[in-house]
Amino acid sequence: MDKTLFEDLIKVLDKEIAAYTRLKDLFAEKREMLKKAKSDDLGVLDNKIIELNNNIIKLNKSRQEIAVKIAGKEDANMSEFIEFSEKEAPEFTEGLKERKVKICNIIPEITLLNNQNVELLKHGIIITNKMLETIIDAFAPQGSYYNGAGKTDTHDMDMWTINEEI
C-alpha cells in the first residue's frame, strides 16, 4: 500500500480538526451574541458558519476519497484507519490516534454549543413574541367595557370620586 495515502489522510484530518476548532469558536461567539441580543451581527456570523460548513463538507469528501483507497469504502472510521496503519504503515499509527482523540473531544463541544444556541434562539423567539403581543395590545383600539349593570364604562375620569349606579 502507498504510504503517501496515510500522509494525505493526516493532512486532511489536520484541516478538518482546524475547521472544527474554528466552527466551535464561531458557535461560542454566536452564543455570546445571542446572550447579549446583538442580532445585527448574527447574519454575518451565520454566513461565516455556512461558509465553514461548506469547507468541512469538501474536506469530508477528500477524506472519503482517501478512505476508498486505504480501506476500500467511503465510510471508514478512524479506528479502521488506525487498524490499517498498524498493518501497512506503523509510523503513522500514533499520529492517527492523536487525531482521533482530538476529533472525539471537539465534536461533543460543538454539539453542546450548538444545542445551547438553539435553546437561546427559542428563548429569544418567546421573548420577541411577548414583546409583540404587548405592543399590539397597547396600540389596539379598545372597545367599550360593560360594567355589572350592563352599562358601558369608558373609564373616563369623573369629577366625583364615587360613581353610583341607579
Protein backbone atom coordinates (compact mmCIF):
# COMPACT_ATOMS: atom_id res chain seq x y z
CA MET A 1 0.00 0.00 0.00
CA ASP A 2 1.17 3.50 -0.83
CA LYS A 3 2.25 5.21 2.39
CA THR A 4 1.61 8.64 0.91
CA LEU A 5 -2.10 7.86 1.32
CA PHE A 6 -1.60 8.00 5.09
CA GLU A 7 0.30 11.28 4.75
CA ASP A 8 -2.58 12.69 2.69
CA LEU A 9 -5.07 11.36 5.23
CA ILE A 10 -3.24 13.07 8.09
CA LYS A 11 -3.15 16.36 6.15
CA VAL A 12 -6.90 16.19 5.52
CA LEU A 13 -7.57 15.26 9.16
CA ASP A 14 -5.49 18.23 10.33
CA LYS A 15 -7.51 20.54 8.09
CA GLU A 16 -10.75 19.01 9.42
CA ILE A 17 -9.63 19.47 13.02
CA ALA A 18 -8.72 23.10 12.31
CA ALA A 19 -12.12 23.64 10.66
CA TYR A 20 -13.97 22.02 13.57
CA THR A 21 -11.99 24.14 16.03
CA ARG A 22 -12.93 27.27 14.08
CA LEU A 23 -16.57 26.11 14.00
CA LYS A 24 -16.50 25.67 17.77
CA ASP A 25 -15.14 29.20 18.15
CA LEU A 26 -17.85 30.60 15.86
CA PHE A 27 -20.57 28.77 17.81
CA ALA A 28 -19.16 30.18 21.08
CA GLU A 29 -19.16 33.67 19.54
CA LYS A 30 -22.74 33.17 18.39
CA ARG A 31 -23.77 32.10 21.89
CA GLU A 32 -22.35 35.33 23.31
CA MET A 33 -24.17 37.39 20.66
CA LEU A 34 -27.43 35.63 21.46
CA LYS A 35 -26.94 36.28 25.17
CA LYS A 36 -26.31 39.97 24.55
CA ALA A 37 -29.10 40.21 21.94
CA LYS A 38 -26.80 41.57 19.23
CA SER A 39 -28.96 40.46 16.33
CA ASP A 40 -27.34 42.81 13.81
CA ASP A 41 -24.11 40.81 13.78
CA LEU A 42 -25.78 37.38 13.70
CA GLY A 43 -26.27 37.39 9.93
CA VAL A 44 -22.57 37.97 9.30
CA LEU A 45 -21.64 35.26 11.77
CA ASP A 46 -24.15 32.81 10.30
CA ASN A 47 -22.65 33.40 6.85
CA LYS A 48 -19.20 32.55 8.24
CA ILE A 49 -20.62 29.35 9.77
CA ILE A 50 -22.26 28.35 6.49
CA GLU A 51 -19.05 29.00 4.56
CA LEU A 52 -17.04 26.96 7.05
CA ASN A 53 -19.60 24.16 6.91
CA ASN A 54 -19.25 24.05 3.12
CA ASN A 55 -15.49 23.80 3.55
CA ILE A 56 -15.94 20.93 6.03
CA ILE A 57 -18.12 19.10 3.50
CA LYS A 58 -15.32 19.40 0.92
CA LEU A 59 -12.80 18.10 3.43
CA ASN A 60 -15.09 15.16 4.22
CA LYS A 61 -15.24 14.29 0.52
CA SER A 62 -11.45 14.38 0.32
CA ARG A 63 -11.21 12.10 3.34
CA GLN A 64 -13.76 9.72 1.79
CA GLU A 65 -11.73 9.53 -1.42
CA ILE A 66 -8.65 8.58 0.59
CA ALA A 67 -10.73 6.12 2.63
CA VAL A 68 -11.71 4.27 -0.55
CA LYS A 69 -8.04 3.92 -1.45
CA ILE A 70 -6.99 2.79 2.02
CA ALA A 71 -9.96 0.78 3.31
CA GLY A 72 -11.93 0.12 0.15
CA LYS A 73 -15.01 2.01 1.40
CA GLU A 74 -16.08 5.65 1.83
CA ASP A 75 -17.38 5.39 5.38
CA ALA A 76 -14.24 4.07 7.05
CA ASN A 77 -13.88 5.42 10.56
CA MET A 78 -10.77 6.45 12.49
CA SER A 79 -10.46 3.07 14.20
CA GLU A 80 -10.32 1.38 10.81
CA PHE A 81 -7.68 3.84 9.59
CA ILE A 82 -5.63 3.12 12.69
CA GLU A 83 -6.02 -0.62 12.16
CA PHE A 84 -4.88 -0.34 8.52
CA SER A 85 -1.93 1.85 9.51
CA GLU A 86 -0.80 -0.69 12.10
CA LYS A 87 -0.56 -3.28 9.33
CA GLU A 88 0.62 -1.15 6.40
CA ALA A 89 2.38 1.93 7.83
CA PRO A 90 3.04 1.70 11.59
CA GLU A 91 4.87 5.03 11.61
CA PHE A 92 1.51 6.80 11.09
CA THR A 93 -0.43 4.92 13.77
CA GLU A 94 0.42 7.23 16.65
CA GLY A 95 -0.41 10.34 14.64
CA LEU A 96 -3.79 8.89 13.66
CA LYS A 97 -4.54 8.00 17.29
CA GLU A 98 -3.77 11.57 18.38
CA ARG A 99 -6.07 12.98 15.71
CA LYS A 100 -8.83 10.57 16.70
CA VAL A 101 -8.65 11.85 20.29
CA LYS A 102 -8.80 15.48 19.10
CA ILE A 103 -11.83 14.79 16.92
CA CYS A 104 -13.56 12.80 19.66
CA ASN A 105 -13.03 15.70 22.09
CA ILE A 106 -14.12 18.55 19.85
CA ILE A 107 -17.33 17.04 18.43
CA PRO A 108 -19.18 16.93 21.81
CA GLU A 109 -18.11 20.53 22.47
CA ILE A 110 -19.53 21.65 19.12
CA THR A 111 -22.74 19.71 19.76
CA LEU A 112 -23.14 21.29 23.21
CA LEU A 113 -22.58 24.82 21.88
CA ASN A 114 -24.99 24.23 19.02
CA ASN A 115 -27.67 22.93 21.41
CA GLN A 116 -27.17 25.95 23.67
CA ASN A 117 -27.55 28.27 20.68
CA VAL A 118 -30.77 26.55 19.66
CA GLU A 119 -32.18 26.99 23.17
CA LEU A 120 -31.14 30.65 23.22
CA LEU A 121 -32.84 31.17 19.86
CA LYS A 122 -36.02 29.51 21.15
CA HIS A 123 -35.96 31.74 24.22
CA GLY A 124 -35.39 34.80 22.03
CA ILE A 125 -38.42 33.89 19.92
CA ILE A 126 -40.59 33.58 23.03
CA ILE A 127 -39.40 36.96 24.34
CA THR A 128 -39.96 38.59 20.93
CA ASN A 129 -43.47 37.18 20.73
CA LYS A 130 -44.31 38.52 24.19
CA MET A 131 -42.94 41.95 23.28
CA LEU A 132 -45.02 41.99 20.08
CA GLU A 133 -48.16 40.98 22.00
CA THR A 134 -47.56 43.81 24.47
CA ILE A 135 -47.08 46.35 21.69
CA ILE A 136 -50.17 45.17 19.82
CA ASP A 137 -52.27 45.24 22.99
CA ALA A 138 -51.07 48.76 23.80
CA PHE A 139 -51.97 50.20 20.40
CA ALA A 140 -55.07 48.17 19.57
CA PRO A 141 -58.32 50.14 19.70
CA GLN A 142 -60.19 49.50 22.89
CA GLY A 143 -63.86 48.58 22.72
CA SER A 144 -66.41 49.60 25.28
CA TYR A 145 -66.38 47.71 28.52
CA TYR A 146 -69.62 46.79 30.23
CA ASN A 147 -69.95 47.12 33.95
CA GLY A 148 -72.02 44.95 36.24
CA ALA A 149 -75.20 46.95 35.50
CA GLY A 150 -74.87 46.33 31.76
CA LYS A 151 -73.84 49.90 31.02
CA THR A 152 -70.82 50.92 29.05
CA ASP A 153 -67.91 52.10 31.01
CA THR A 154 -65.40 54.18 29.08
CA HIS A 155 -63.04 54.59 32.02
CA ASP A 156 -63.28 58.36 31.80
CA MET A 157 -62.39 60.18 34.94
CA ASP A 158 -65.34 61.89 36.54
CA MET A 159 -65.23 64.77 38.92
CA TRP A 160 -66.72 62.58 41.58
CA THR A 161 -64.67 60.08 43.43
CA ILE A 162 -67.56 57.66 43.79
CA ASN A 163 -69.97 56.85 41.00
CA GLU A 164 -73.28 55.42 41.99
CA GLU A 165 -75.25 53.47 39.53
CA ILE A 166 -79.03 53.55 39.54
